[in-house]
PDB file of all heavy atoms in Angstrom:
ATOM      1  N   THR A   1      -0.623   1.033   9.567  1.00  0.00           N
ATOM      2  CA  THR A   1       0.530   1.943   9.564  1.00  0.00           C
ATOM      3  C   THR A   1       0.543   2.782   8.277  1.00  0.00           C
ATOM      4  O   THR A   1       0.820   4.012   8.334  1.00  0.00           O
ATOM      5  CB  THR A   1       1.830   1.175   9.691  1.00  0.00           C
ATOM      6  OG1 THR A   1       1.781   0.345  10.860  1.00  0.00           O
ATOM      7  CG2 THR A   1       3.020   2.106   9.785  1.00  0.00           C
ATOM      8  N   THR A   2       0.278   2.142   7.193  1.00  0.00           N
ATOM      9  CA  THR A   2       0.231   2.876   5.848  1.00  0.00           C
ATOM     10  C   THR A   2      -0.833   3.953   5.874  1.00  0.00           C
ATOM     11  O   THR A   2      -0.551   5.114   5.407  1.00  0.00           O
ATOM     12  CB  THR A   2       0.020   1.875   4.737  1.00  0.00           C
ATOM     13  OG1 THR A   2       1.048   0.922   4.710  1.00  0.00           O
ATOM     14  CG2 THR A   2      -0.006   2.585   3.375  1.00  0.00           C
ATOM     15  N   ILE A   3      -2.022   3.646   6.311  1.00  0.00           N
ATOM     16  CA  ILE A   3      -3.116   4.612   6.428  1.00  0.00           C
ATOM     17  C   ILE A   3      -2.695   5.794   7.263  1.00  0.00           C
ATOM     18  O   ILE A   3      -2.880   6.959   6.917  1.00  0.00           O
ATOM     19  CB  ILE A   3      -4.383   3.946   6.926  1.00  0.00           C
ATOM     20  CG1 ILE A   3      -4.915   2.975   5.876  1.00  0.00           C
ATOM     21  CG2 ILE A   3      -5.450   4.983   7.244  1.00  0.00           C
ATOM     22  CD1 ILE A   3      -6.093   2.125   6.364  1.00  0.00           C
ATOM     23  N   ARG A   4      -2.125   5.516   8.401  1.00  0.00           N
ATOM     24  CA  ARG A   4      -1.709   6.576   9.323  1.00  0.00           C
ATOM     25  C   ARG A   4      -0.647   7.475   8.684  1.00  0.00           C
ATOM     26  O   ARG A   4      -0.774   8.687   8.687  1.00  0.00           O
ATOM     27  CB  ARG A   4      -1.162   6.007  10.617  1.00  0.00           C
ATOM     28  CG  ARG A   4      -0.621   7.056  11.585  1.00  0.00           C
ATOM     29  CD  ARG A   4      -0.262   6.476  12.937  1.00  0.00           C
ATOM     30  NE  ARG A   4       0.799   5.480  12.792  1.00  0.00           N
ATOM     31  CZ  ARG A   4       2.119   5.732  12.745  1.00  0.00           C
ATOM     32  NH1 ARG A   4       2.521   7.030  12.716  1.00  0.00           N
ATOM     33  NH2 ARG A   4       3.027   4.789  12.644  1.00  0.00           N
ATOM     34  N   LEU A   5       0.354   6.867   8.062  1.00  0.00           N
ATOM     35  CA  LEU A   5       1.442   7.640   7.436  1.00  0.00           C
ATOM     36  C   LEU A   5       0.934   8.426   6.254  1.00  0.00           C
ATOM     37  O   LEU A   5       1.371   9.593   6.034  1.00  0.00           O
ATOM     38  CB  LEU A   5       2.560   6.693   7.010  1.00  0.00           C
ATOM     39  CG  LEU A   5       3.415   6.030   8.104  1.00  0.00           C
ATOM     40  CD1 LEU A   5       4.417   5.076   7.468  1.00  0.00           C
ATOM     41  CD2 LEU A   5       4.110   7.044   8.948  1.00  0.00           C
ATOM     42  N   ALA A   6       0.003   7.880   5.525  1.00  0.00           N
ATOM     43  CA  ALA A   6      -0.537   8.593   4.333  1.00  0.00           C
ATOM     44  C   ALA A   6      -1.339   9.805   4.775  1.00  0.00           C
ATOM     45  O   ALA A   6      -1.215  10.889   4.193  1.00  0.00           O
ATOM     46  CB  ALA A   6      -1.407   7.672   3.536  1.00  0.00           C
ATOM     47  N   LYS A   7      -2.111   9.656   5.840  1.00  0.00           N
ATOM     48  CA  LYS A   7      -2.870  10.854   6.353  1.00  0.00           C
ATOM     49  C   LYS A   7      -1.987  11.946   6.921  1.00  0.00           C
ATOM     50  O   LYS A   7      -2.241  13.116   6.716  1.00  0.00           O
ATOM     51  CB  LYS A   7      -3.801  10.381   7.496  1.00  0.00           C
ATOM     52  CG  LYS A   7      -5.001   9.566   6.982  1.00  0.00           C
ATOM     53  CD  LYS A   7      -5.889   9.124   8.158  1.00  0.00           C
ATOM     54  CE  LYS A   7      -7.108   8.338   7.634  1.00  0.00           C
ATOM     55  NZ  LYS A   7      -8.002   7.925   8.782  1.00  0.00           N
ATOM     56  N   GLU A   8      -0.808  11.539   7.488  1.00  0.00           N
ATOM     57  CA  GLU A   8       0.070  12.527   8.068  1.00  0.00           C
ATOM     58  C   GLU A   8       1.015  13.196   7.025  1.00  0.00           C
ATOM     59  O   GLU A   8       1.610  14.183   7.344  1.00  0.00           O
ATOM     60  CB  GLU A   8       0.956  11.820   9.123  1.00  0.00           C
ATOM     61  CG  GLU A   8       0.196  11.320  10.344  1.00  0.00           C
ATOM     62  CD  GLU A   8       1.066  10.471  11.245  1.00  0.00           C
ATOM     63  OE1 GLU A   8       2.259  10.159  10.868  1.00  0.00           O
ATOM     64  OE2 GLU A   8       0.627  10.065  12.324  1.00  0.00           O
ATOM     65  N   ASN A   9       1.079  12.608   5.845  1.00  0.00           N
ATOM     66  CA  ASN A   9       2.052  13.089   4.847  1.00  0.00           C
ATOM     67  C   ASN A   9       1.464  13.273   3.477  1.00  0.00           C
ATOM     68  O   ASN A   9       2.072  12.891   2.446  1.00  0.00           O
ATOM     69  CB  ASN A   9       3.298  12.115   4.763  1.00  0.00           C
ATOM     70  CG  ASN A   9       4.011  11.955   6.081  1.00  0.00           C
ATOM     71  OD1 ASN A   9       4.880  12.774   6.394  1.00  0.00           O
ATOM     72  ND2 ASN A   9       3.663  10.948   6.824  1.00  0.00           N
ATOM     73  N   LYS A  10       0.229  13.783   3.451  1.00  0.00           N
ATOM     74  CA  LYS A  10      -0.483  13.914   2.177  1.00  0.00           C
ATOM     75  C   LYS A  10       0.251  14.708   1.105  1.00  0.00           C
ATOM     76  O   LYS A  10       0.129  14.518  -0.057  1.00  0.00           O
ATOM     77  CB  LYS A  10      -1.851  14.539   2.395  1.00  0.00           C
ATOM     78  CG  LYS A  10      -2.828  13.624   3.110  1.00  0.00           C
ATOM     79  CD  LYS A  10      -4.196  14.309   3.211  1.00  0.00           C
ATOM     80  CE  LYS A  10      -5.236  13.382   3.898  1.00  0.00           C
ATOM     81  NZ  LYS A  10      -6.560  14.071   3.978  1.00  0.00           N
ATOM     82  N   ASP A  11       1.070  15.634   1.607  1.00  0.00           N
ATOM     83  CA  ASP A  11       1.749  16.563   0.682  1.00  0.00           C
ATOM     84  C   ASP A  11       2.785  15.858  -0.179  1.00  0.00           C
ATOM     85  O   ASP A  11       3.153  16.390  -1.284  1.00  0.00           O
ATOM     86  CB  ASP A  11       2.397  17.720   1.461  1.00  0.00           C
ATOM     87  CG  ASP A  11       3.380  17.209   2.502  1.00  0.00           C
ATOM     88  OD1 ASP A  11       3.059  16.279   3.244  1.00  0.00           O
ATOM     89  OD2 ASP A  11       4.475  17.815   2.604  1.00  0.00           O
ATOM     90  N   ILE A  12       3.351  14.771   0.264  1.00  0.00           N
ATOM     91  CA  ILE A  12       4.379  14.140  -0.544  1.00  0.00           C
ATOM     92  C   ILE A  12       4.018  12.737  -1.047  1.00  0.00           C
ATOM     93  O   ILE A  12       4.764  12.161  -1.851  1.00  0.00           O
ATOM     94  CB  ILE A  12       5.706  14.001   0.341  1.00  0.00           C
ATOM     95  CG1 ILE A  12       5.508  13.018   1.456  1.00  0.00           C
ATOM     96  CG2 ILE A  12       6.241  15.310   0.742  1.00  0.00           C
ATOM     97  CD1 ILE A  12       6.831  12.532   2.048  1.00  0.00           C
ATOM     98  N   ILE A  13       2.879  12.244  -0.649  1.00  0.00           N
ATOM     99  CA  ILE A  13       2.435  10.912  -1.094  1.00  0.00           C
ATOM    100  C   ILE A  13       1.812  10.970  -2.486  1.00  0.00           C
ATOM    101  O   ILE A  13       0.745  11.602  -2.655  1.00  0.00           O
ATOM    102  CB  ILE A  13       1.455  10.252  -0.128  1.00  0.00           C
ATOM    103  CG1 ILE A  13       2.051  10.193   1.304  1.00  0.00           C
ATOM    104  CG2 ILE A  13       1.078   8.841  -0.627  1.00  0.00           C
ATOM    105  CD1 ILE A  13       3.261   9.336   1.428  1.00  0.00           C
ATOM    106  N   GLU A  14       2.493  10.423  -3.467  1.00  0.00           N
ATOM    107  CA  GLU A  14       1.939  10.474  -4.812  1.00  0.00           C
ATOM    108  C   GLU A  14       0.930   9.356  -5.048  1.00  0.00           C
ATOM    109  O   GLU A  14      -0.053   9.545  -5.737  1.00  0.00           O
ATOM    110  CB  GLU A  14       3.131  10.333  -5.824  1.00  0.00           C
ATOM    111  CG  GLU A  14       2.646  10.455  -7.294  1.00  0.00           C
ATOM    112  CD  GLU A  14       3.786  10.479  -8.224  1.00  0.00           C
ATOM    113  OE1 GLU A  14       4.754  11.242  -8.036  1.00  0.00           O
ATOM    114  OE2 GLU A  14       3.775   9.727  -9.187  1.00  0.00           O
ATOM    115  N   THR A  15       1.196   8.207  -4.436  1.00  0.00           N
ATOM    116  CA  THR A  15       0.261   7.117  -4.545  1.00  0.00           C
ATOM    117  C   THR A  15       0.487   6.139  -3.369  1.00  0.00           C
ATOM    118  O   THR A  15       1.583   6.084  -2.839  1.00  0.00           O
ATOM    119  CB  THR A  15       0.388   6.336  -5.896  1.00  0.00           C
ATOM    120  OG1 THR A  15      -0.574   5.352  -6.016  1.00  0.00           O
ATOM    121  CG2 THR A  15       1.739   5.701  -5.981  1.00  0.00           C
ATOM    122  N   VAL A  16      -0.530   5.382  -3.020  1.00  0.00           N
ATOM    123  CA  VAL A  16      -0.386   4.297  -2.016  1.00  0.00           C
ATOM    124  C   VAL A  16      -0.513   3.007  -2.712  1.00  0.00           C
ATOM    125  O   VAL A  16      -1.473   2.717  -3.405  1.00  0.00           O
ATOM    126  CB  VAL A  16      -1.480   4.474  -0.943  1.00  0.00           C
ATOM    127  CG1 VAL A  16      -1.395   3.317   0.075  1.00  0.00           C
ATOM    128  CG2 VAL A  16      -1.374   5.819  -0.188  1.00  0.00           C
ATOM    129  N   VAL A  17       0.522   2.140  -2.552  1.00  0.00           N
ATOM    130  CA  VAL A  17       0.550   0.843  -3.183  1.00  0.00           C
ATOM    131  C   VAL A  17       0.167  -0.211  -2.146  1.00  0.00           C
ATOM    132  O   VAL A  17       0.945  -0.576  -1.273  1.00  0.00           O
ATOM    133  CB  VAL A  17       1.935   0.563  -3.777  1.00  0.00           C
ATOM    134  CG1 VAL A  17       1.938  -0.734  -4.612  1.00  0.00           C
ATOM    135  CG2 VAL A  17       2.433   1.753  -4.620  1.00  0.00           C
ATOM    136  N   VAL A  18      -1.031  -0.809  -2.344  1.00  0.00           N
ATOM    137  CA  VAL A  18      -1.500  -1.830  -1.372  1.00  0.00           C
ATOM    138  C   VAL A  18      -1.129  -3.200  -1.928  1.00  0.00           C
ATOM    139  O   VAL A  18      -1.815  -3.806  -2.699  1.00  0.00           O
ATOM    140  CB  VAL A  18      -3.018  -1.695  -1.189  1.00  0.00           C
ATOM    141  CG1 VAL A  18      -3.524  -2.708  -0.161  1.00  0.00           C
ATOM    142  CG2 VAL A  18      -3.424  -0.310  -0.824  1.00  0.00           C
ATOM    143  N   GLY A  19       0.040  -3.664  -1.474  1.00  0.00           N
ATOM    144  CA  GLY A  19       0.439  -4.992  -1.864  1.00  0.00           C
ATOM    145  C   GLY A  19       1.394  -4.958  -3.030  1.00  0.00           C
ATOM    146  O   GLY A  19       1.261  -4.147  -3.982  1.00  0.00           O
ATOM    147  N   ASN A  20       2.402  -5.838  -2.957  1.00  0.00           N
ATOM    148  CA  ASN A  20       3.388  -5.968  -4.061  1.00  0.00           C
ATOM    149  C   ASN A  20       3.585  -7.416  -4.361  1.00  0.00           C
ATOM    150  O   ASN A  20       4.088  -8.242  -3.585  1.00  0.00           O
ATOM    151  CB  ASN A  20       4.724  -5.368  -3.644  1.00  0.00           C
ATOM    152  CG  ASN A  20       5.800  -5.509  -4.789  1.00  0.00           C
ATOM    153  OD1 ASN A  20       5.690  -4.781  -5.763  1.00  0.00           O
ATOM    154  ND2 ASN A  20       6.698  -6.423  -4.629  1.00  0.00           N
ATOM    155  N   GLU A  21       3.081  -7.821  -5.582  1.00  0.00           N
ATOM    156  CA  GLU A  21       3.240  -9.203  -6.126  1.00  0.00           C
ATOM    157  C   GLU A  21       2.700 -10.227  -5.130  1.00  0.00           C
ATOM    158  O   GLU A  21       3.170 -11.362  -5.101  1.00  0.00           O
ATOM    159  CB  GLU A  21       4.682  -9.479  -6.458  1.00  0.00           C
ATOM    160  CG  GLU A  21       5.223  -8.587  -7.584  1.00  0.00           C
ATOM    161  CD  GLU A  21       6.625  -8.919  -8.042  1.00  0.00           C
ATOM    162  OE1 GLU A  21       7.279  -9.739  -7.380  1.00  0.00           O
ATOM    163  OE2 GLU A  21       7.041  -8.354  -9.062  1.00  0.00           O
ATOM    164  N   ALA A  22       1.651  -9.869  -4.345  1.00  0.00           N
ATOM    165  CA  ALA A  22       1.012 -10.813  -3.442  1.00  0.00           C
ATOM    166  C   ALA A  22       0.323 -11.963  -4.182  1.00  0.00           C
ATOM    167  O   ALA A  22       0.275 -13.077  -3.697  1.00  0.00           O
ATOM    168  CB  ALA A  22       0.066 -10.057  -2.555  1.00  0.00           C
ATOM    169  N   LEU A  23      -0.227 -11.618  -5.332  1.00  0.00           N
ATOM    170  CA  LEU A  23      -0.903 -12.662  -6.153  1.00  0.00           C
ATOM    171  C   LEU A  23       0.139 -13.605  -6.813  1.00  0.00           C
ATOM    172  O   LEU A  23      -0.046 -14.812  -6.854  1.00  0.00           O
ATOM    173  CB  LEU A  23      -1.757 -12.005  -7.248  1.00  0.00           C
ATOM    174  CG  LEU A  23      -2.963 -11.179  -6.755  1.00  0.00           C
ATOM    175  CD1 LEU A  23      -3.668 -10.562  -7.912  1.00  0.00           C
ATOM    176  CD2 LEU A  23      -3.923 -12.073  -5.942  1.00  0.00           C
ATOM    177  N   LEU A  24       1.289 -13.033  -7.258  1.00  0.00           N
ATOM    178  CA  LEU A  24       2.349 -13.837  -7.786  1.00  0.00           C
ATOM    179  C   LEU A  24       2.829 -14.871  -6.765  1.00  0.00           C
ATOM    180  O   LEU A  24       3.072 -15.988  -7.108  1.00  0.00           O
ATOM    181  CB  LEU A  24       3.487 -12.934  -8.235  1.00  0.00           C
ATOM    182  CG  LEU A  24       4.783 -13.579  -8.650  1.00  0.00           C
ATOM    183  CD1 LEU A  24       4.616 -14.409  -9.876  1.00  0.00           C
ATOM    184  CD2 LEU A  24       5.886 -12.559  -8.834  1.00  0.00           C
ATOM    185  N   ARG A  25       2.926 -14.414  -5.540  1.00  0.00           N
ATOM    186  CA  ARG A  25       3.461 -15.262  -4.494  1.00  0.00           C
ATOM    187  C   ARG A  25       2.389 -16.236  -3.904  1.00  0.00           C
ATOM    188  O   ARG A  25       2.693 -17.038  -3.039  1.00  0.00           O
ATOM    189  CB  ARG A  25       4.046 -14.461  -3.345  1.00  0.00           C
ATOM    190  CG  ARG A  25       5.217 -13.613  -3.706  1.00  0.00           C
ATOM    191  CD  ARG A  25       5.924 -13.017  -2.462  1.00  0.00           C
ATOM    192  NE  ARG A  25       4.971 -12.276  -1.634  1.00  0.00           N
ATOM    193  CZ  ARG A  25       4.597 -11.039  -1.784  1.00  0.00           C
ATOM    194  NH1 ARG A  25       5.145 -10.341  -2.774  1.00  0.00           N
ATOM    195  NH2 ARG A  25       3.762 -10.478  -0.970  1.00  0.00           N
ATOM    196  N   ASN A  26       1.184 -16.136  -4.362  1.00  0.00           N
ATOM    197  CA  ASN A  26       0.046 -16.880  -3.822  1.00  0.00           C
ATOM    198  C   ASN A  26      -0.173 -16.638  -2.344  1.00  0.00           C
ATOM    199  O   ASN A  26      -0.628 -17.482  -1.636  1.00  0.00           O
ATOM    200  CB  ASN A  26       0.239 -18.384  -4.051  1.00  0.00           C
ATOM    201  CG  ASN A  26       0.097 -18.799  -5.458  1.00  0.00           C
ATOM    202  OD1 ASN A  26      -0.609 -18.152  -6.264  1.00  0.00           O
ATOM    203  ND2 ASN A  26       0.699 -19.917  -5.872  1.00  0.00           N
ATOM    204  N   ASP A  27       0.176 -15.382  -1.922  1.00  0.00           N
ATOM    205  CA  ASP A  27       0.031 -15.088  -0.492  1.00  0.00           C
ATOM    206  C   ASP A  27      -1.438 -14.836  -0.113  1.00  0.00           C
ATOM    207  O   ASP A  27      -1.836 -15.103   1.016  1.00  0.00           O
ATOM    208  CB  ASP A  27       0.875 -13.846  -0.127  1.00  0.00           C
ATOM    209  CG  ASP A  27       2.300 -14.219   0.104  1.00  0.00           C
ATOM    210  OD1 ASP A  27       2.618 -15.423   0.091  1.00  0.00           O
ATOM    211  OD2 ASP A  27       3.111 -13.307   0.363  1.00  0.00           O
ATOM    212  N   VAL A  28      -2.189 -14.258  -1.036  1.00  0.00           N
ATOM    213  CA  VAL A  28      -3.596 -13.974  -0.767  1.00  0.00           C
ATOM    214  C   VAL A  28      -4.375 -14.238  -2.001  1.00  0.00           C
ATOM    215  O   VAL A  28      -3.863 -14.385  -3.120  1.00  0.00           O
ATOM    216  CB  VAL A  28      -3.819 -12.465  -0.363  1.00  0.00           C
ATOM    217  CG1 VAL A  28      -3.164 -12.167   0.921  1.00  0.00           C
ATOM    218  CG2 VAL A  28      -3.327 -11.566  -1.508  1.00  0.00           C
ATOM    219  N   SER A  29      -5.715 -14.376  -1.871  1.00  0.00           N
ATOM    220  CA  SER A  29      -6.627 -14.551  -3.067  1.00  0.00           C
ATOM    221  C   SER A  29      -6.967 -13.140  -3.607  1.00  0.00           C
ATOM    222  O   SER A  29      -6.762 -12.158  -2.948  1.00  0.00           O
ATOM    223  CB  SER A  29      -7.862 -15.281  -2.648  1.00  0.00           C
ATOM    224  OG  SER A  29      -8.660 -14.474  -1.715  1.00  0.00           O
ATOM    225  N   ALA A  30      -7.481 -13.154  -4.773  1.00  0.00           N
ATOM    226  CA  ALA A  30      -7.877 -11.910  -5.423  1.00  0.00           C
ATOM    227  C   ALA A  30      -8.955 -11.251  -4.604  1.00  0.00           C
ATOM    228  O   ALA A  30      -8.939 -10.012  -4.447  1.00  0.00           O
ATOM    229  CB  ALA A  30      -8.331 -12.155  -6.862  1.00  0.00           C
TER     230      ALA A  30
END
């Protein structure tokens, strides 16, 4: 979904943030 939205809205997307504190929560490995 993020990839699709980013492609459709390049003019306003300043950055794409892939994951938020996922390492802190031990949700995924590095």
